[in-house]
């Protein structure tokens, strides 16, 4: 069994990005600039956006954080999005989700210029993904593809079972794994809450990608020997032995499943670090597209 170490892999990619920034500086070229819009004070969002800002600093990107009150109106937020769309200094930006209930997330996503949509959620970018055209991939799936690539994991002709059909991870991942590309060319089964024979399907899988947020859901009796596991789940589970009072747990019962797996991502330290570094890669790409 080999650990798919997202922490170390993302460190290597950050170094590559930092070198790309230094090379641009040496030529007097523009430095990538990522902006983040954060509405309200959701704990998870604050942590995530903070990590993005720190990553920018470490790599040498410029970054801007627009922290807005959760009482902001939808029209005011749309105005901010349009302002960022038209700001030539900013190469890419994200509007951190979730948004307050009185704001339509779809409307905000649609308002973002696809050329600056480094989260990869705009329908134009999702359409490009389906058609295997250039564009921005959603950050978490892009990070997972990078792990497959850098660990040289064979996906062609393999049976890949994806558990969960979210627009952010499950659905895009099912498309990416089935595309005529490398990684890709897998035979994909997308499963979800209505799937009747999940265990039967996971037992056939060469690769399992799970993204449902149910701690320890995937157990050893559900997988075959030699399976490759990508665990996107991240849930806080009470743990009195920890100073914080909780531990972070994935969708996979790691201890038991790891014994049967050929490769497996830990939680934390697997897919998570790859998400942020993918966002950075998209930002560099956006700058190259928008400024040549």
C-alpha atoms as a PDB file:
ATOM      1  CA  UNK A   1       0.000   0.000   0.000  1.00  0.00           C
ATOM      2  CA  UNK A   2       1.274   3.443  -0.940  1.00  0.00           C
ATOM      3  CA  UNK A   3      -0.003   6.709   0.525  1.00  0.00           C
ATOM      4  CA  UNK A   4      -1.049   9.306  -2.042  1.00  0.00           C
ATOM      5  CA  UNK A   5       0.566  12.202  -0.208  1.00  0.00           C
ATOM      6  CA  UNK A   6      -1.210  15.408  -1.228  1.00  0.00           C
ATOM      7  CA  UNK A   7       0.838  17.436   1.215  1.00  0.00           C
ATOM      8  CA  UNK A   8       4.189  16.528  -0.335  1.00  0.00           C
ATOM      9  CA  UNK A   9       2.862  16.634  -3.900  1.00  0.00           C
ATOM     10  CA  UNK A  10       1.341  20.077  -3.400  1.00  0.00           C
ATOM     11  CA  UNK A  11       4.650  21.249  -1.891  1.00  0.00           C
ATOM     12  CA  UNK A  12       6.468  20.173  -5.054  1.00  0.00           C
ATOM     13  CA  UNK A  13       3.904  21.960  -7.263  1.00  0.00           C
ATOM     14  CA  UNK A  14       4.142  25.129  -5.150  1.00  0.00           C
ATOM     15  CA  UNK A  15       7.877  25.102  -5.700  1.00  0.00           C
ATOM     16  CA  UNK A  16       7.336  24.770  -9.461  1.00  0.00           C
ATOM     17  CA  UNK A  17       4.868  27.680  -9.390  1.00  0.00           C
ATOM     18  CA  UNK A  18       7.270  29.814  -7.324  1.00  0.00           C
ATOM     19  CA  UNK A  19       9.986  29.189  -9.932  1.00  0.00           C
ATOM     20  CA  UNK A  20       7.568  30.181 -12.722  1.00  0.00           C
ATOM     21  CA  UNK A  21       6.818  33.436 -10.863  1.00  0.00           C
ATOM     22  CA  UNK A  22      10.540  34.151 -10.402  1.00  0.00           C
ATOM     23  CA  UNK A  23      11.117  33.578 -14.115  1.00  0.00           C
ATOM     24  CA  UNK A  24       8.334  36.046 -14.948  1.00  0.00           C
ATOM     25  CA  UNK A  25       9.769  38.602 -12.511  1.00  0.00           C
ATOM     26  CA  UNK A  26      13.208  38.265 -14.085  1.00  0.00           C
ATOM     27  CA  UNK A  27      11.692  39.108 -17.487  1.00  0.00           C
ATOM     28  CA  UNK A  28       9.688  42.016 -16.050  1.00  0.00           C
ATOM     29  CA  UNK A  29       6.409  40.217 -16.806  1.00  0.00           C
ATOM     30  CA  UNK A  30       3.145  40.394 -14.885  1.00  0.00           C
ATOM     31  CA  UNK A  31       2.811  38.414 -11.647  1.00  0.00           C
ATOM     32  CA  UNK A  32      -0.382  36.298 -11.248  1.00  0.00           C
ATOM     33  CA  UNK A  33      -3.017  37.977  -9.075  1.00  0.00           C
ATOM     34  CA  UNK A  34      -5.775  35.952  -7.369  1.00  0.00           C
ATOM     35  CA  UNK A  35      -8.713  37.615  -5.622  1.00  0.00           C
ATOM     36  CA  UNK A  36     -11.165  36.001  -3.210  1.00  0.00           C
ATOM     37  CA  UNK A  37     -14.592  37.284  -2.214  1.00  0.00           C
ATOM     38  CA  UNK A  38     -15.758  36.084   1.176  1.00  0.00           C
ATOM     39  CA  UNK A  39     -19.275  36.900   2.381  1.00  0.00           C
ATOM     40  CA  UNK A  40     -19.942  36.557   6.112  1.00  0.00           C
ATOM     41  CA  UNK A  41     -17.978  34.629   8.724  1.00  0.00           C
ATOM     42  CA  UNK A  42     -18.515  30.933   8.064  1.00  0.00           C
ATOM     43  CA  UNK A  43     -15.721  29.124   9.967  1.00  0.00           C
ATOM     44  CA  UNK A  44     -14.850  26.660   7.206  1.00  0.00           C
ATOM     45  CA  UNK A  45     -14.820  29.392   4.565  1.00  0.00           C
ATOM     46  CA  UNK A  46     -12.596  31.653   6.688  1.00  0.00           C
ATOM     47  CA  UNK A  47     -10.083  28.819   7.135  1.00  0.00           C
ATOM     48  CA  UNK A  48     -10.138  27.885   3.449  1.00  0.00           C
ATOM     49  CA  UNK A  49      -9.772  31.453   2.151  1.00  0.00           C
ATOM     50  CA  UNK A  50      -6.998  32.113   4.689  1.00  0.00           C
ATOM     51  CA  UNK A  51      -5.119  29.075   3.345  1.00  0.00           C
ATOM     52  CA  UNK A  52      -5.478  30.398  -0.220  1.00  0.00           C
ATOM     53  CA  UNK A  53      -4.087  33.810   0.747  1.00  0.00           C
ATOM     54  CA  UNK A  54      -1.121  32.169   2.515  1.00  0.00           C
ATOM     55  CA  UNK A  55      -0.462  29.949  -0.521  1.00  0.00           C
ATOM     56  CA  UNK A  56      -0.369  33.036  -2.773  1.00  0.00           C
ATOM     57  CA  UNK A  57       2.162  34.694  -0.490  1.00  0.00           C
ATOM     58  CA  UNK A  58       4.340  31.584  -0.367  1.00  0.00           C
ATOM     59  CA  UNK A  59       4.367  31.145  -4.154  1.00  0.00           C
ATOM     60  CA  UNK A  60       4.849  34.855  -4.873  1.00  0.00           C
ATOM     61  CA  UNK A  61       1.413  35.554  -6.356  1.00  0.00           C
ATOM     62  CA  UNK A  62      -0.356  38.788  -5.573  1.00  0.00           C
ATOM     63  CA  UNK A  63      -3.652  38.321  -3.745  1.00  0.00           C
ATOM     64  CA  UNK A  64      -6.638  40.410  -2.682  1.00  0.00           C
ATOM     65  CA  UNK A  65      -9.293  39.438  -0.163  1.00  0.00           C
ATOM     66  CA  UNK A  66     -12.662  41.168  -0.211  1.00  0.00           C
ATOM     67  CA  UNK A  67     -14.421  40.284   3.054  1.00  0.00           C
ATOM     68  CA  UNK A  68     -18.035  41.454   2.844  1.00  0.00           C
ATOM     69  CA  UNK A  69     -20.802  41.537   5.453  1.00  0.00           C
ATOM     70  CA  UNK A  70     -23.387  38.735   5.216  1.00  0.00           C
ATOM     71  CA  UNK A  71     -26.067  41.453   5.057  1.00  0.00           C
ATOM     72  CA  UNK A  72     -24.836  42.439   1.563  1.00  0.00           C
ATOM     73  CA  UNK A  73     -27.586  42.361  -1.071  1.00  0.00           C
ATOM     74  CA  UNK A  74     -27.453  40.148  -4.141  1.00  0.00           C
ATOM     75  CA  UNK A  75     -27.203  43.240  -6.380  1.00  0.00           C
ATOM     76  CA  UNK A  76     -24.261  44.588  -4.371  1.00  0.00           C
ATOM     77  CA  UNK A  77     -22.448  41.268  -4.660  1.00  0.00           C
ATOM     78  CA  UNK A  78     -23.159  41.137  -8.408  1.00  0.00           C
ATOM     79  CA  UNK A  79     -21.705  44.645  -8.707  1.00  0.00           C
ATOM     80  CA  UNK A  80     -18.532  43.416  -6.964  1.00  0.00           C
ATOM     81  CA  UNK A  81     -18.289  40.475  -9.369  1.00  0.00           C
ATOM     82  CA  UNK A  82     -18.634  42.803 -12.376  1.00  0.00           C
ATOM     83  CA  UNK A  83     -15.964  45.090 -10.906  1.00  0.00           C
ATOM     84  CA  UNK A  84     -13.529  42.151 -10.618  1.00  0.00           C
ATOM     85  CA  UNK A  85     -14.432  40.948 -14.129  1.00  0.00           C
ATOM     86  CA  UNK A  86     -13.304  44.339 -15.470  1.00  0.00           C
ATOM     87  CA  UNK A  87     -10.182  44.743 -13.334  1.00  0.00           C
ATOM     88  CA  UNK A  88      -7.193  43.979 -15.576  1.00  0.00           C
ATOM     89  CA  UNK A  89      -4.872  43.642 -12.584  1.00  0.00           C
ATOM     90  CA  UNK A  90      -6.804  40.596 -11.309  1.00  0.00           C
ATOM     91  CA  UNK A  91      -6.220  37.437 -13.349  1.00  0.00           C
ATOM     92  CA  UNK A  92      -8.649  35.132 -11.578  1.00  0.00           C
ATOM     93  CA  UNK A  93     -11.033  35.251  -8.662  1.00  0.00           C
ATOM     94  CA  UNK A  94     -13.319  33.093  -6.601  1.00  0.00           C
ATOM     95  CA  UNK A  95     -16.513  33.803  -4.714  1.00  0.00           C
ATOM     96  CA  UNK A  96     -16.300  31.500  -1.709  1.00  0.00           C
ATOM     97  CA  UNK A  97     -19.325  29.233  -1.209  1.00  0.00           C
ATOM     98  CA  UNK A  98     -21.652  28.810   0.612  1.00  0.00           C
ATOM     99  CA  UNK A  99     -23.280  32.232   0.325  1.00  0.00           C
ATOM    100  CA  UNK A 100     -26.010  33.573   2.654  1.00  0.00           C
ATOM    101  CA  UNK A 101     -29.460  32.142   1.888  1.00  0.00           C
ATOM    102  CA  UNK A 102     -30.827  35.410   0.430  1.00  0.00           C
ATOM    103  CA  UNK A 103     -28.259  35.272  -2.406  1.00  0.00           C
ATOM    104  CA  UNK A 104     -28.731  33.016  -5.439  1.00  0.00           C
ATOM    105  CA  UNK A 105     -25.416  31.137  -5.835  1.00  0.00           C
ATOM    106  CA  UNK A 106     -26.182  30.169  -9.432  1.00  0.00           C
ATOM    107  CA  UNK A 107     -26.749  33.796 -10.395  1.00  0.00           C
ATOM    108  CA  UNK A 108     -23.403  34.787  -8.881  1.00  0.00           C
ATOM    109  CA  UNK A 109     -21.557  31.888 -10.577  1.00  0.00           C
ATOM    110  CA  UNK A 110     -23.063  32.816 -13.961  1.00  0.00           C
ATOM    111  CA  UNK A 111     -21.950  36.442 -13.522  1.00  0.00           C
ATOM    112  CA  UNK A 112     -18.255  35.505 -13.236  1.00  0.00           C
ATOM    113  CA  UNK A 113     -16.240  35.954 -16.440  1.00  0.00           C
ATOM    114  CA  UNK A 114     -15.352  32.370 -17.555  1.00  0.00           C
ATOM    115  CA  UNK A 115     -11.782  33.584 -18.341  1.00  0.00           C
ATOM    116  CA  UNK A 116     -11.362  34.526 -14.662  1.00  0.00           C
ATOM    117  CA  UNK A 117     -13.336  31.606 -13.202  1.00  0.00           C
ATOM    118  CA  UNK A 118     -10.408  29.822 -11.551  1.00  0.00           C
ATOM    119  CA  UNK A 119     -12.823  27.721  -9.450  1.00  0.00           C
ATOM    120  CA  UNK A 120     -13.988  26.143 -12.727  1.00  0.00           C
ATOM    121  CA  UNK A 121     -17.695  26.291 -11.833  1.00  0.00           C
ATOM    122  CA  UNK A 122     -19.004  28.456 -14.699  1.00  0.00           C
ATOM    123  CA  UNK A 123     -21.113  26.515 -17.264  1.00  0.00           C
ATOM    124  CA  UNK A 124     -18.678  27.569 -20.013  1.00  0.00           C
ATOM    125  CA  UNK A 125     -15.780  25.900 -18.199  1.00  0.00           C
ATOM    126  CA  UNK A 126     -17.879  22.853 -17.323  1.00  0.00           C
ATOM    127  CA  UNK A 127     -18.895  22.605 -20.992  1.00  0.00           C
ATOM    128  CA  UNK A 128     -15.254  22.835 -22.074  1.00  0.00           C
ATOM    129  CA  UNK A 129     -14.473  20.047 -19.603  1.00  0.00           C
ATOM    130  CA  UNK A 130     -17.168  17.784 -21.096  1.00  0.00           C
ATOM    131  CA  UNK A 131     -15.936  18.474 -24.651  1.00  0.00           C
ATOM    132  CA  UNK A 132     -12.269  18.089 -23.624  1.00  0.00           C
ATOM    133  CA  UNK A 133     -11.540  21.682 -24.678  1.00  0.00           C
ATOM    134  CA  UNK A 134      -9.139  24.102 -22.931  1.00  0.00           C
ATOM    135  CA  UNK A 135     -10.584  25.774 -19.852  1.00  0.00           C
ATOM    136  CA  UNK A 136     -10.439  25.691 -16.068  1.00  0.00           C
ATOM    137  CA  UNK A 137     -11.217  22.436 -14.275  1.00  0.00           C
ATOM    138  CA  UNK A 138     -12.867  22.549 -10.831  1.00  0.00           C
ATOM    139  CA  UNK A 139     -10.008  22.704  -8.311  1.00  0.00           C
ATOM    140  CA  UNK A 140     -10.632  19.476  -6.369  1.00  0.00           C
ATOM    141  CA  UNK A 141     -11.026  17.202  -9.431  1.00  0.00           C
ATOM    142  CA  UNK A 142      -8.002  18.904 -11.046  1.00  0.00           C
ATOM    143  CA  UNK A 143      -5.969  18.171  -7.917  1.00  0.00           C
ATOM    144  CA  UNK A 144      -7.017  14.524  -7.986  1.00  0.00           C
ATOM    145  CA  UNK A 145      -6.011  14.172 -11.644  1.00  0.00           C
ATOM    146  CA  UNK A 146      -2.628  15.634 -10.695  1.00  0.00           C
ATOM    147  CA  UNK A 147      -2.221  12.943  -8.009  1.00  0.00           C
ATOM    148  CA  UNK A 148      -3.058  10.185 -10.521  1.00  0.00           C
ATOM    149  CA  UNK A 149      -0.513  11.716 -12.909  1.00  0.00           C
ATOM    150  CA  UNK A 150       2.337  12.242 -10.467  1.00  0.00           C
ATOM    151  CA  UNK A 151       2.013   8.782  -8.906  1.00  0.00           C
ATOM    152  CA  UNK A 152       1.790   7.277 -12.401  1.00  0.00           C
ATOM    153  CA  UNK A 153      -1.448   5.414 -11.618  1.00  0.00           C
ATOM    154  CA  UNK A 154      -2.912   3.591 -14.613  1.00  0.00           C
ATOM    155  CA  UNK A 155      -6.533   4.645 -15.234  1.00  0.00           C
ATOM    156  CA  UNK A 156      -7.007   3.530 -18.839  1.00  0.00           C
ATOM    157  CA  UNK A 157      -9.430   0.598 -19.103  1.00  0.00           C
ATOM    158  CA  UNK A 158      -9.960   0.502 -15.317  1.00  0.00           C
ATOM    159  CA  UNK A 159     -13.369   0.408 -13.644  1.00  0.00           C
ATOM    160  CA  UNK A 160     -13.790   3.601 -11.619  1.00  0.00           C
ATOM    161  CA  UNK A 161     -16.672   3.937  -9.151  1.00  0.00           C
ATOM    162  CA  UNK A 162     -17.479   7.474  -8.023  1.00  0.00           C
ATOM    163  CA  UNK A 163     -19.590   7.788  -4.861  1.00  0.00           C
ATOM    164  CA  UNK A 164     -21.476  11.094  -4.748  1.00  0.00           C
ATOM    165  CA  UNK A 165     -22.725  13.294  -7.607  1.00  0.00           C
ATOM    166  CA  UNK A 166     -22.067  16.843  -6.376  1.00  0.00           C
ATOM    167  CA  UNK A 167     -21.413  19.513  -9.014  1.00  0.00           C
ATOM    168  CA  UNK A 168     -18.111  20.339  -7.315  1.00  0.00           C
ATOM    169  CA  UNK A 169     -16.533  16.863  -7.145  1.00  0.00           C
ATOM    170  CA  UNK A 170     -18.527  13.729  -8.007  1.00  0.00           C
ATOM    171  CA  UNK A 171     -20.121  14.688 -11.326  1.00  0.00           C
ATOM    172  CA  UNK A 172     -17.046  16.426 -12.812  1.00  0.00           C
ATOM    173  CA  UNK A 173     -14.788  13.595 -11.650  1.00  0.00           C
ATOM    174  CA  UNK A 174     -16.995  11.008 -13.349  1.00  0.00           C
ATOM    175  CA  UNK A 175     -16.677  12.961 -16.624  1.00  0.00           C
ATOM    176  CA  UNK A 176     -12.921  13.505 -16.294  1.00  0.00           C
ATOM    177  CA  UNK A 177     -12.197   9.846 -15.565  1.00  0.00           C
ATOM    178  CA  UNK A 178     -14.148   8.795 -18.655  1.00  0.00           C
ATOM    179  CA  UNK A 179     -12.593  11.338 -21.040  1.00  0.00           C
ATOM    180  CA  UNK A 180     -10.192  10.330 -23.787  1.00  0.00           C
ATOM    181  CA  UNK A 181      -7.162  11.643 -21.919  1.00  0.00           C
ATOM    182  CA  UNK A 182      -4.498  10.655 -19.435  1.00  0.00           C
ATOM    183  CA  UNK A 183      -5.551  10.310 -16.649  1.00  0.00           C
ATOM    184  CA  UNK A 184      -8.887   9.112 -18.016  1.00  0.00           C
ATOM    185  CA  UNK A 185     -10.147   6.408 -20.383  1.00  0.00           C
ATOM    186  CA  UNK A 186     -11.711   4.592 -17.423  1.00  0.00           C
ATOM    187  CA  UNK A 187     -15.097   2.857 -17.427  1.00  0.00           C
ATOM    188  CA  UNK A 188     -17.007   4.976 -14.926  1.00  0.00           C
ATOM    189  CA  UNK A 189     -19.962   4.170 -12.662  1.00  0.00           C
ATOM    190  CA  UNK A 190     -21.442   7.210 -10.900  1.00  0.00           C
ATOM    191  CA  UNK A 191     -23.269   6.197  -7.721  1.00  0.00           C
ATOM    192  CA  UNK A 192     -25.353   8.234  -5.276  1.00  0.00           C
ATOM    193  CA  UNK A 193     -28.009   8.067  -2.552  1.00  0.00           C
ATOM    194  CA  UNK A 194     -30.484   6.234  -4.853  1.00  0.00           C
ATOM    195  CA  UNK A 195     -28.014   3.553  -5.974  1.00  0.00           C
ATOM    196  CA  UNK A 196     -29.408   0.135  -5.002  1.00  0.00           C
ATOM    197  CA  UNK A 197     -26.381  -2.183  -5.216  1.00  0.00           C
ATOM    198  CA  UNK A 198     -23.482   0.015  -4.086  1.00  0.00           C
ATOM    199  CA  UNK A 199     -21.424  -2.709  -2.393  1.00  0.00           C
ATOM    200  CA  UNK A 200     -21.725  -4.930  -5.453  1.00  0.00           C
ATOM    201  CA  UNK A 201     -20.352  -2.091  -7.586  1.00  0.00           C
ATOM    202  CA  UNK A 202     -17.535  -1.036  -5.252  1.00  0.00           C
ATOM    203  CA  UNK A 203     -16.342  -4.652  -5.035  1.00  0.00           C
ATOM    204  CA  UNK A 204     -15.810  -4.563  -8.814  1.00  0.00           C
ATOM    205  CA  UNK A 205     -13.965  -1.234  -8.762  1.00  0.00           C
ATOM    206  CA  UNK A 206     -10.273  -0.816  -9.575  1.00  0.00           C
ATOM    207  CA  UNK A 207     -10.538   2.836  -8.506  1.00  0.00           C
ATOM    208  CA  UNK A 208     -12.959   4.317  -5.950  1.00  0.00           C
ATOM    209  CA  UNK A 209     -13.482   8.058  -5.555  1.00  0.00           C
ATOM    210  CA  UNK A 210     -15.732   8.968  -2.646  1.00  0.00           C
ATOM    211  CA  UNK A 211     -17.096  12.446  -1.920  1.00  0.00           C
ATOM    212  CA  UNK A 212     -20.186  12.234   0.287  1.00  0.00           C
ATOM    213  CA  UNK A 213     -19.119  13.571   3.706  1.00  0.00           C
ATOM    214  CA  UNK A 214     -20.117  10.436   5.648  1.00  0.00           C
ATOM    215  CA  UNK A 215     -17.299   9.475   8.026  1.00  0.00           C
ATOM    216  CA  UNK A 216     -15.974   5.900   7.709  1.00  0.00           C
ATOM    217  CA  UNK A 217     -18.675   5.052   5.144  1.00  0.00           C
ATOM    218  CA  UNK A 218     -16.486   2.884   2.892  1.00  0.00           C
ATOM    219  CA  UNK A 219     -15.355  -0.222   4.774  1.00  0.00           C
ATOM    220  CA  UNK A 220     -12.952  -3.084   3.966  1.00  0.00           C
ATOM    221  CA  UNK A 221     -15.767  -5.504   3.054  1.00  0.00           C
ATOM    222  CA  UNK A 222     -16.794  -3.102   0.237  1.00  0.00           C
ATOM    223  CA  UNK A 223     -13.463  -3.125  -1.649  1.00  0.00           C
ATOM    224  CA  UNK A 224     -11.287  -5.651  -3.464  1.00  0.00           C
ATOM    225  CA  UNK A 225      -7.551  -6.164  -3.024  1.00  0.00           C
ATOM    226  CA  UNK A 226      -5.359  -3.727  -4.943  1.00  0.00           C
ATOM    227  CA  UNK A 227      -7.997  -0.984  -5.207  1.00  0.00           C
ATOM    228  CA  UNK A 228      -6.955   2.675  -5.613  1.00  0.00           C
ATOM    229  CA  UNK A 229      -8.814   4.960  -3.175  1.00  0.00           C
ATOM    230  CA  UNK A 230      -9.315   8.727  -3.430  1.00  0.00           C
ATOM    231  CA  UNK A 231     -11.124  10.031  -0.357  1.00  0.00           C
ATOM    232  CA  UNK A 232     -12.539  13.550  -0.722  1.00  0.00           C
ATOM    233  CA  UNK A 233     -14.716  13.374   2.404  1.00  0.00           C
ATOM    234  CA  UNK A 234     -13.855  15.678   5.289  1.00  0.00           C
ATOM    235  CA  UNK A 235     -15.964  15.620   8.452  1.00  0.00           C
ATOM    236  CA  UNK A 236     -15.331  16.751  12.018  1.00  0.00           C
ATOM    237  CA  UNK A 237     -15.934  13.838  14.373  1.00  0.00           C
ATOM    238  CA  UNK A 238     -16.004  14.267  18.160  1.00  0.00           C
ATOM    239  CA  UNK A 239     -12.844  12.955  19.814  1.00  0.00           C
ATOM    240  CA  UNK A 240     -12.273  13.656  23.506  1.00  0.00           C
ATOM    241  CA  UNK A 241      -8.608  12.610  23.227  1.00  0.00           C
ATOM    242  CA  UNK A 242      -7.873  15.583  20.975  1.00  0.00           C
ATOM    243  CA  UNK A 243      -7.190  19.068  22.318  1.00  0.00           C
ATOM    244  CA  UNK A 244      -9.684  20.513  19.835  1.00  0.00           C
ATOM    245  CA  UNK A 245     -12.331  17.975  20.894  1.00  0.00           C
ATOM    246  CA  UNK A 246     -12.641  16.591  17.365  1.00  0.00           C
ATOM    247  CA  UNK A 247     -10.688  14.845  14.626  1.00  0.00           C
ATOM    248  CA  UNK A 248     -10.964  15.182  10.861  1.00  0.00           C
ATOM    249  CA  UNK A 249     -12.276  11.999   9.243  1.00  0.00           C
ATOM    250  CA  UNK A 250     -12.789  10.994   5.626  1.00  0.00           C
ATOM    251  CA  UNK A 251     -15.468   8.878   3.943  1.00  0.00           C
ATOM    252  CA  UNK A 252     -13.177   5.848   4.115  1.00  0.00           C
ATOM    253  CA  UNK A 253     -12.498   3.660   7.133  1.00  0.00           C
ATOM    254  CA  UNK A 254      -8.788   4.213   6.592  1.00  0.00           C
ATOM    255  CA  UNK A 255      -7.267   1.574   8.907  1.00  0.00           C
ATOM    256  CA  UNK A 256      -9.222  -1.354   7.485  1.00  0.00           C
ATOM    257  CA  UNK A 257      -9.371  -0.271   3.825  1.00  0.00           C
ATOM    258  CA  UNK A 258      -5.672   0.681   3.659  1.00  0.00           C
ATOM    259  CA  UNK A 259      -4.717  -2.978   4.194  1.00  0.00           C
ATOM    260  CA  UNK A 260      -6.403  -3.919   0.904  1.00  0.00           C
ATOM    261  CA  UNK A 261      -5.545  -0.814  -1.153  1.00  0.00           C
ATOM    262  CA  UNK A 262      -2.621  -0.375  -3.542  1.00  0.00           C
ATOM    263  CA  UNK A 263      -2.854   3.427  -3.211  1.00  0.00           C
ATOM    264  CA  UNK A 264      -4.922   5.508  -0.787  1.00  0.00           C
ATOM    265  CA  UNK A 265      -5.265   9.185   0.158  1.00  0.00           C
ATOM    266  CA  UNK A 266      -5.159  10.016   3.871  1.00  0.00           C
ATOM    267  CA  UNK A 267      -7.550  12.513   5.480  1.00  0.00           C
ATOM    268  CA  UNK A 268      -6.284  15.095   6.192  1.00  0.00           C
ATOM    269  CA  UNK A 269      -3.255  15.487   3.921  1.00  0.00           C
ATOM    270  CA  UNK A 270      -4.537  13.803   0.771  1.00  0.00           C
ATOM    271  CA  UNK A 271      -6.911  15.562  -1.623  1.00  0.00           C
ATOM    272  CA  UNK A 272      -7.282  18.761   0.477  1.00  0.00           C
ATOM    273  CA  UNK A 273      -3.832  20.302  -0.155  1.00  0.00           C
ATOM    274  CA  UNK A 274      -4.202  19.504  -3.857  1.00  0.00           C
ATOM    275  CA  UNK A 275      -7.378  21.605  -4.115  1.00  0.00           C
ATOM    276  CA  UNK A 276      -5.623  24.809  -3.110  1.00  0.00           C
ATOM    277  CA  UNK A 277      -2.580  24.212  -5.303  1.00  0.00           C
ATOM    278  CA  UNK A 278      -4.897  23.491  -8.282  1.00  0.00           C
ATOM    279  CA  UNK A 279      -6.496  26.883  -7.754  1.00  0.00           C
ATOM    280  CA  UNK A 280      -3.008  28.421  -7.954  1.00  0.00           C
ATOM    281  CA  UNK A 281      -2.291  26.501 -11.162  1.00  0.00           C
ATOM    282  CA  UNK A 282      -5.567  27.784 -12.631  1.00  0.00           C
ATOM    283  CA  UNK A 283      -4.599  31.356 -11.660  1.00  0.00           C
ATOM    284  CA  UNK A 284      -1.262  31.125 -13.483  1.00  0.00           C
ATOM    285  CA  UNK A 285      -3.105  29.656 -16.471  1.00  0.00           C
ATOM    286  CA  UNK A 286      -5.677  32.504 -16.352  1.00  0.00           C
ATOM    287  CA  UNK A 287      -2.913  35.093 -16.423  1.00  0.00           C
ATOM    288  CA  UNK A 288      -1.277  33.390 -19.399  1.00  0.00           C
ATOM    289  CA  UNK A 289      -4.621  33.249 -21.256  1.00  0.00           C
ATOM    290  CA  UNK A 290      -5.670  36.816 -20.424  1.00  0.00           C
ATOM    291  CA  UNK A 291      -2.280  38.525 -20.774  1.00  0.00           C
ATOM    292  CA  UNK A 292      -0.474  36.084 -23.050  1.00  0.00           C
END
